[in-house]
Amino acid sequence: MERRGEIGLRRALGARGGQIAVQFLLEAVLMGFIGGIGGLVMGSLAVYGYAVAQGWPVSVPFSTIVAGPSVSVLVAAVAGIHPALRAARASQDGDAMHVTRAVLQGAVCL
């Protein structure tokens, strides 16, 4: 768990496990959405380039435009459930110790 310090700090500031889980899940979904849009753009550019090179009309079906990012978000949400639940169950005392250690080492500036 690489984000123990962040989790401990959020817990120390009063965040509940559910709030931390929602944050982790939203981050995963947002990354999936951005990746899906990026893949859609790159794939569309590849289709455009190939179609122009072959002298064909350019066509990207609407279902592809919707399905690409949607599937990406779905996969990211499923993949993000386990880390989100694990972060929500992280112990406050153990994570607070990591925050204290990081602050003492100068890694965290508040």
N, C-alpha and C. Protein backbone atom coordinates (compact mmCIF):
# COMPACT_ATOMS: atom_id res chain seq x y z
N MET A 1 0.85 -1.17 0.00
CA MET A 1 0.00 0.00 0.00
C MET A 1 0.90 1.24 0.00
N GLU A 2 0.97 1.91 -1.10
CA GLU A 2 1.89 3.02 -1.26
C GLU A 2 1.33 4.35 -0.76
N ARG A 3 0.04 4.43 -0.55
CA ARG A 3 -0.58 5.70 -0.17
C ARG A 3 -0.99 5.72 1.29
N ARG A 4 -0.27 4.99 2.11
CA ARG A 4 -0.60 4.91 3.54
C ARG A 4 -0.56 6.28 4.20
N GLY A 5 0.43 7.07 3.86
CA GLY A 5 0.53 8.40 4.45
C GLY A 5 -0.68 9.26 4.15
N GLU A 6 -1.11 9.22 2.90
CA GLU A 6 -2.29 10.00 2.50
C GLU A 6 -3.54 9.50 3.21
N ILE A 7 -3.68 8.18 3.29
CA ILE A 7 -4.85 7.61 3.97
C ILE A 7 -4.83 7.99 5.44
N GLY A 8 -3.66 7.88 6.08
CA GLY A 8 -3.54 8.23 7.49
C GLY A 8 -3.86 9.69 7.74
N LEU A 9 -3.41 10.55 6.85
CA LEU A 9 -3.68 11.98 7.00
C LEU A 9 -5.17 12.26 6.85
N ARG A 10 -5.80 11.65 5.87
CA ARG A 10 -7.24 11.84 5.69
C ARG A 10 -8.02 11.31 6.89
N ARG A 11 -7.58 10.17 7.42
CA ARG A 11 -8.24 9.61 8.61
C ARG A 11 -8.06 10.55 9.80
N ALA A 12 -6.84 11.09 9.95
CA ALA A 12 -6.58 12.00 11.07
C ALA A 12 -7.40 13.27 10.96
N LEU A 13 -7.75 13.65 9.75
CA LEU A 13 -8.57 14.85 9.54
C LEU A 13 -10.07 14.55 9.61
N GLY A 14 -10.42 13.28 9.87
CA GLY A 14 -11.81 12.94 10.09
C GLY A 14 -12.51 12.19 8.98
N ALA A 15 -11.80 11.79 7.94
CA ALA A 15 -12.45 11.05 6.86
C ALA A 15 -12.80 9.64 7.32
N ARG A 16 -13.94 9.18 6.90
CA ARG A 16 -14.38 7.83 7.23
C ARG A 16 -13.94 6.88 6.13
N GLY A 17 -14.00 5.59 6.41
CA GLY A 17 -13.59 4.58 5.45
C GLY A 17 -14.35 4.67 4.14
N GLY A 18 -15.65 4.92 4.22
CA GLY A 18 -16.47 5.03 3.01
C GLY A 18 -16.05 6.19 2.12
N GLN A 19 -15.68 7.30 2.75
CA GLN A 19 -15.24 8.47 1.98
C GLN A 19 -13.92 8.17 1.27
N ILE A 20 -13.04 7.46 1.94
CA ILE A 20 -11.75 7.10 1.32
C ILE A 20 -11.98 6.12 0.17
N ALA A 21 -12.89 5.16 0.37
CA ALA A 21 -13.20 4.20 -0.70
C ALA A 21 -13.77 4.92 -1.92
N VAL A 22 -14.68 5.86 -1.69
CA VAL A 22 -15.27 6.61 -2.81
C VAL A 22 -14.19 7.40 -3.55
N GLN A 23 -13.26 8.01 -2.81
CA GLN A 23 -12.19 8.77 -3.45
C GLN A 23 -11.36 7.85 -4.35
N PHE A 24 -10.96 6.69 -3.84
CA PHE A 24 -10.14 5.77 -4.61
C PHE A 24 -10.89 5.27 -5.84
N LEU A 25 -12.17 4.95 -5.67
CA LEU A 25 -12.95 4.46 -6.79
C LEU A 25 -13.16 5.54 -7.85
N LEU A 26 -13.42 6.77 -7.41
CA LEU A 26 -13.57 7.87 -8.38
C LEU A 26 -12.27 8.13 -9.13
N GLU A 27 -11.14 8.03 -8.45
CA GLU A 27 -9.86 8.21 -9.13
C GLU A 27 -9.67 7.14 -10.20
N ALA A 28 -10.01 5.90 -9.87
CA ALA A 28 -9.87 4.81 -10.85
C ALA A 28 -10.78 5.04 -12.05
N VAL A 29 -12.03 5.42 -11.79
CA VAL A 29 -12.99 5.64 -12.88
C VAL A 29 -12.55 6.82 -13.75
N LEU A 30 -12.06 7.88 -13.12
CA LEU A 30 -11.60 9.04 -13.89
C LEU A 30 -10.41 8.67 -14.77
N MET A 31 -9.48 7.90 -14.23
CA MET A 31 -8.34 7.47 -15.05
C MET A 31 -8.80 6.58 -16.20
N GLY A 32 -9.78 5.72 -15.94
CA GLY A 32 -10.33 4.88 -17.00
C GLY A 32 -11.01 5.70 -18.08
N PHE A 33 -11.75 6.73 -17.66
CA PHE A 33 -12.42 7.60 -18.63
C PHE A 33 -11.42 8.35 -19.50
N ILE A 34 -10.40 8.90 -18.87
CA ILE A 34 -9.37 9.63 -19.61
C ILE A 34 -8.65 8.69 -20.58
N GLY A 35 -8.34 7.47 -20.11
CA GLY A 35 -7.72 6.48 -21.00
C GLY A 35 -8.62 6.09 -22.14
N GLY A 36 -9.91 5.94 -21.86
CA GLY A 36 -10.86 5.59 -22.91
C GLY A 36 -11.00 6.68 -23.97
N ILE A 37 -11.03 7.92 -23.52
CA ILE A 37 -11.09 9.05 -24.47
C ILE A 37 -9.80 9.11 -25.29
N GLY A 38 -8.67 8.92 -24.62
CA GLY A 38 -7.38 8.91 -25.34
C GLY A 38 -7.32 7.81 -26.37
N GLY A 39 -7.79 6.62 -26.01
CA GLY A 39 -7.83 5.51 -26.96
C GLY A 39 -8.77 5.77 -28.12
N LEU A 40 -9.89 6.40 -27.82
CA LEU A 40 -10.85 6.75 -28.86
C LEU A 40 -10.24 7.74 -29.85
N VAL A 41 -9.56 8.74 -29.33
CA VAL A 41 -8.94 9.75 -30.20
C VAL A 41 -7.85 9.11 -31.06
N MET A 42 -6.99 8.32 -30.42
CA MET A 42 -5.90 7.69 -31.19
C MET A 42 -6.43 6.70 -32.22
N GLY A 43 -7.45 5.92 -31.83
CA GLY A 43 -8.04 4.98 -32.77
C GLY A 43 -8.73 5.68 -33.93
N SER A 44 -9.42 6.77 -33.62
CA SER A 44 -10.09 7.54 -34.69
C SER A 44 -9.08 8.15 -35.64
N LEU A 45 -7.97 8.65 -35.09
CA LEU A 45 -6.93 9.20 -35.96
C LEU A 45 -6.32 8.12 -36.84
N ALA A 46 -6.14 6.92 -36.31
CA ALA A 46 -5.61 5.82 -37.10
C ALA A 46 -6.59 5.44 -38.21
N VAL A 47 -7.87 5.37 -37.89
CA VAL A 47 -8.89 5.06 -38.90
C VAL A 47 -8.91 6.14 -39.96
N TYR A 48 -8.85 7.40 -39.53
CA TYR A 48 -8.86 8.52 -40.48
C TYR A 48 -7.64 8.45 -41.42
N GLY A 49 -6.47 8.24 -40.83
CA GLY A 49 -5.26 8.18 -41.64
C GLY A 49 -5.29 7.03 -42.64
N TYR A 50 -5.72 5.86 -42.20
CA TYR A 50 -5.77 4.71 -43.11
C TYR A 50 -6.82 4.91 -44.20
N ALA A 51 -7.98 5.44 -43.82
CA ALA A 51 -9.05 5.66 -44.81
C ALA A 51 -8.62 6.67 -45.85
N VAL A 52 -7.96 7.74 -45.42
CA VAL A 52 -7.49 8.76 -46.37
C VAL A 52 -6.42 8.17 -47.28
N ALA A 53 -5.52 7.37 -46.71
CA ALA A 53 -4.45 6.77 -47.51
C ALA A 53 -5.01 5.82 -48.57
N GLN A 54 -6.11 5.15 -48.25
CA GLN A 54 -6.71 4.21 -49.19
C GLN A 54 -7.72 4.88 -50.13
N GLY A 55 -8.03 6.14 -49.86
CA GLY A 55 -9.00 6.84 -50.67
C GLY A 55 -10.44 6.48 -50.32
N TRP A 56 -10.66 5.99 -49.13
CA TRP A 56 -11.99 5.60 -48.69
C TRP A 56 -12.64 6.73 -47.90
N PRO A 57 -13.96 6.72 -47.79
CA PRO A 57 -14.61 7.71 -46.92
C PRO A 57 -14.34 7.35 -45.44
N VAL A 58 -14.18 8.37 -44.64
CA VAL A 58 -13.88 8.15 -43.22
C VAL A 58 -15.18 7.94 -42.46
N SER A 59 -15.21 6.87 -41.68
CA SER A 59 -16.41 6.57 -40.90
C SER A 59 -16.03 5.89 -39.59
N VAL A 60 -16.44 6.49 -38.48
CA VAL A 60 -16.30 5.88 -37.16
C VAL A 60 -17.72 5.75 -36.61
N PRO A 61 -18.18 4.52 -36.41
CA PRO A 61 -19.56 4.33 -35.94
C PRO A 61 -19.81 4.97 -34.58
N PHE A 62 -21.01 5.48 -34.38
CA PHE A 62 -21.38 6.11 -33.12
C PHE A 62 -21.28 5.12 -31.97
N SER A 63 -21.61 3.86 -32.24
CA SER A 63 -21.54 2.85 -31.18
C SER A 63 -20.11 2.68 -30.67
N THR A 64 -19.14 2.84 -31.55
CA THR A 64 -17.73 2.76 -31.14
C THR A 64 -17.36 3.96 -30.28
N ILE A 65 -17.87 5.11 -30.65
CA ILE A 65 -17.57 6.33 -29.89
C ILE A 65 -18.11 6.23 -28.47
N VAL A 66 -19.26 5.60 -28.31
CA VAL A 66 -19.87 5.45 -26.98
C VAL A 66 -19.27 4.25 -26.24
N ALA A 67 -19.09 3.15 -26.94
CA ALA A 67 -18.66 1.90 -26.28
C ALA A 67 -17.22 1.95 -25.79
N GLY A 68 -16.34 2.60 -26.52
CA GLY A 68 -14.93 2.62 -26.12
C GLY A 68 -14.71 3.19 -24.72
N PRO A 69 -15.07 4.43 -24.49
CA PRO A 69 -14.90 4.99 -23.14
C PRO A 69 -15.77 4.29 -22.10
N SER A 70 -16.95 3.81 -22.48
CA SER A 70 -17.84 3.14 -21.52
C SER A 70 -17.21 1.85 -21.00
N VAL A 71 -16.67 1.06 -21.88
CA VAL A 71 -16.02 -0.18 -21.47
C VAL A 71 -14.79 0.14 -20.64
N SER A 72 -14.06 1.15 -21.02
CA SER A 72 -12.88 1.55 -20.26
C SER A 72 -13.24 1.96 -18.84
N VAL A 73 -14.32 2.70 -18.67
CA VAL A 73 -14.78 3.12 -17.34
C VAL A 73 -15.24 1.91 -16.54
N LEU A 74 -15.94 0.98 -17.17
CA LEU A 74 -16.41 -0.21 -16.49
C LEU A 74 -15.24 -1.06 -15.99
N VAL A 75 -14.25 -1.27 -16.84
CA VAL A 75 -13.08 -2.05 -16.45
C VAL A 75 -12.33 -1.36 -15.32
N ALA A 76 -12.18 -0.05 -15.40
CA ALA A 76 -11.47 0.70 -14.36
C ALA A 76 -12.23 0.61 -13.03
N ALA A 77 -13.55 0.67 -13.08
CA ALA A 77 -14.35 0.58 -11.85
C ALA A 77 -14.19 -0.79 -11.21
N VAL A 78 -14.26 -1.83 -12.01
CA VAL A 78 -14.10 -3.19 -11.48
C VAL A 78 -12.69 -3.37 -10.91
N ALA A 79 -11.69 -2.88 -11.63
CA ALA A 79 -10.31 -3.00 -11.16
C ALA A 79 -10.05 -2.14 -9.93
N GLY A 80 -10.79 -1.07 -9.75
CA GLY A 80 -10.57 -0.17 -8.62
C GLY A 80 -11.31 -0.54 -7.35
N ILE A 81 -12.22 -1.50 -7.43
CA ILE A 81 -13.00 -1.86 -6.24
C ILE A 81 -12.12 -2.43 -5.14
N HIS A 82 -11.26 -3.36 -5.47
CA HIS A 82 -10.42 -3.99 -4.44
C HIS A 82 -9.49 -2.98 -3.74
N PRO A 83 -8.73 -2.17 -4.49
CA PRO A 83 -7.89 -1.18 -3.80
C PRO A 83 -8.70 -0.18 -2.97
N ALA A 84 -9.88 0.19 -3.45
CA ALA A 84 -10.71 1.15 -2.71
C ALA A 84 -11.16 0.55 -1.39
N LEU A 85 -11.61 -0.69 -1.42
CA LEU A 85 -12.06 -1.34 -0.19
C LEU A 85 -10.89 -1.59 0.76
N ARG A 86 -9.76 -1.91 0.20
CA ARG A 86 -8.57 -2.13 1.03
C ARG A 86 -8.14 -0.83 1.71
N ALA A 87 -8.20 0.26 0.98
CA ALA A 87 -7.84 1.56 1.56
C ALA A 87 -8.84 1.95 2.64
N ALA A 88 -10.10 1.63 2.43
CA ALA A 88 -11.13 1.98 3.41
C ALA A 88 -10.95 1.20 4.71
N ARG A 89 -10.42 -0.02 4.62
CA ARG A 89 -10.22 -0.85 5.80
C ARG A 89 -8.88 -0.61 6.48
N ALA A 90 -8.02 0.20 5.89
CA ALA A 90 -6.69 0.42 6.46
C ALA A 90 -6.83 0.97 7.87
N SER A 91 -5.97 0.49 8.74
CA SER A 91 -6.07 0.91 10.14
C SER A 91 -5.59 2.34 10.32
N GLN A 92 -6.32 3.05 11.12
CA GLN A 92 -5.98 4.45 11.35
C GLN A 92 -4.67 4.59 12.10
N ASP A 93 -4.43 3.74 13.10
CA ASP A 93 -3.21 3.86 13.90
C ASP A 93 -1.97 3.58 13.07
N GLY A 94 -2.00 2.52 12.28
CA GLY A 94 -0.84 2.19 11.45
C GLY A 94 -0.55 3.25 10.42
N ASP A 95 -1.59 3.80 9.81
CA ASP A 95 -1.41 4.82 8.80
C ASP A 95 -0.98 6.14 9.42
N ALA A 96 -1.47 6.45 10.60
CA ALA A 96 -1.06 7.68 11.27
C ALA A 96 0.42 7.61 11.61
N MET A 97 0.91 6.41 11.92
CA MET A 97 2.33 6.25 12.19
C MET A 97 3.16 6.59 10.95
N HIS A 98 2.69 6.19 9.77
CA HIS A 98 3.40 6.51 8.53
C HIS A 98 3.39 8.01 8.27
N VAL A 99 2.29 8.69 8.58
CA VAL A 99 2.22 10.14 8.42
C VAL A 99 3.23 10.81 9.34
N THR A 100 3.26 10.38 10.60
CA THR A 100 4.19 10.96 11.57
C THR A 100 5.62 10.76 11.12
N ARG A 101 5.94 9.57 10.66
CA ARG A 101 7.29 9.27 10.20
C ARG A 101 7.66 10.13 8.99
N ALA A 102 6.72 10.29 8.05
CA ALA A 102 6.99 11.09 6.87
C ALA A 102 7.20 12.56 7.23
N VAL A 103 6.40 13.06 8.17
CA VAL A 103 6.55 14.45 8.58
C VAL A 103 7.90 14.65 9.26
N LEU A 104 8.28 13.72 10.12
CA LEU A 104 9.55 13.84 10.81
C LEU A 104 10.73 13.76 9.86
N GLN A 105 10.58 13.01 8.78
CA GLN A 105 11.64 12.90 7.79
C GLN A 105 11.62 14.04 6.78
N GLY A 106 10.63 14.90 6.87
CA GLY A 106 10.56 16.06 5.98
C GLY A 106 9.94 15.77 4.63
N ALA A 107 9.30 14.60 4.49
CA ALA A 107 8.71 14.25 3.21
C ALA A 107 7.37 14.93 2.97
N VAL A 108 6.72 15.34 4.04
CA VAL A 108 5.41 15.97 3.92
C VAL A 108 5.51 17.37 4.50
N CYS A 109 5.14 18.34 3.73
CA CYS A 109 5.13 19.73 4.22
C CYS A 109 3.68 20.18 4.29
N LEU A 110 3.26 20.54 5.48
CA LEU A 110 1.87 21.00 5.65
C LEU A 110 1.82 22.49 5.71
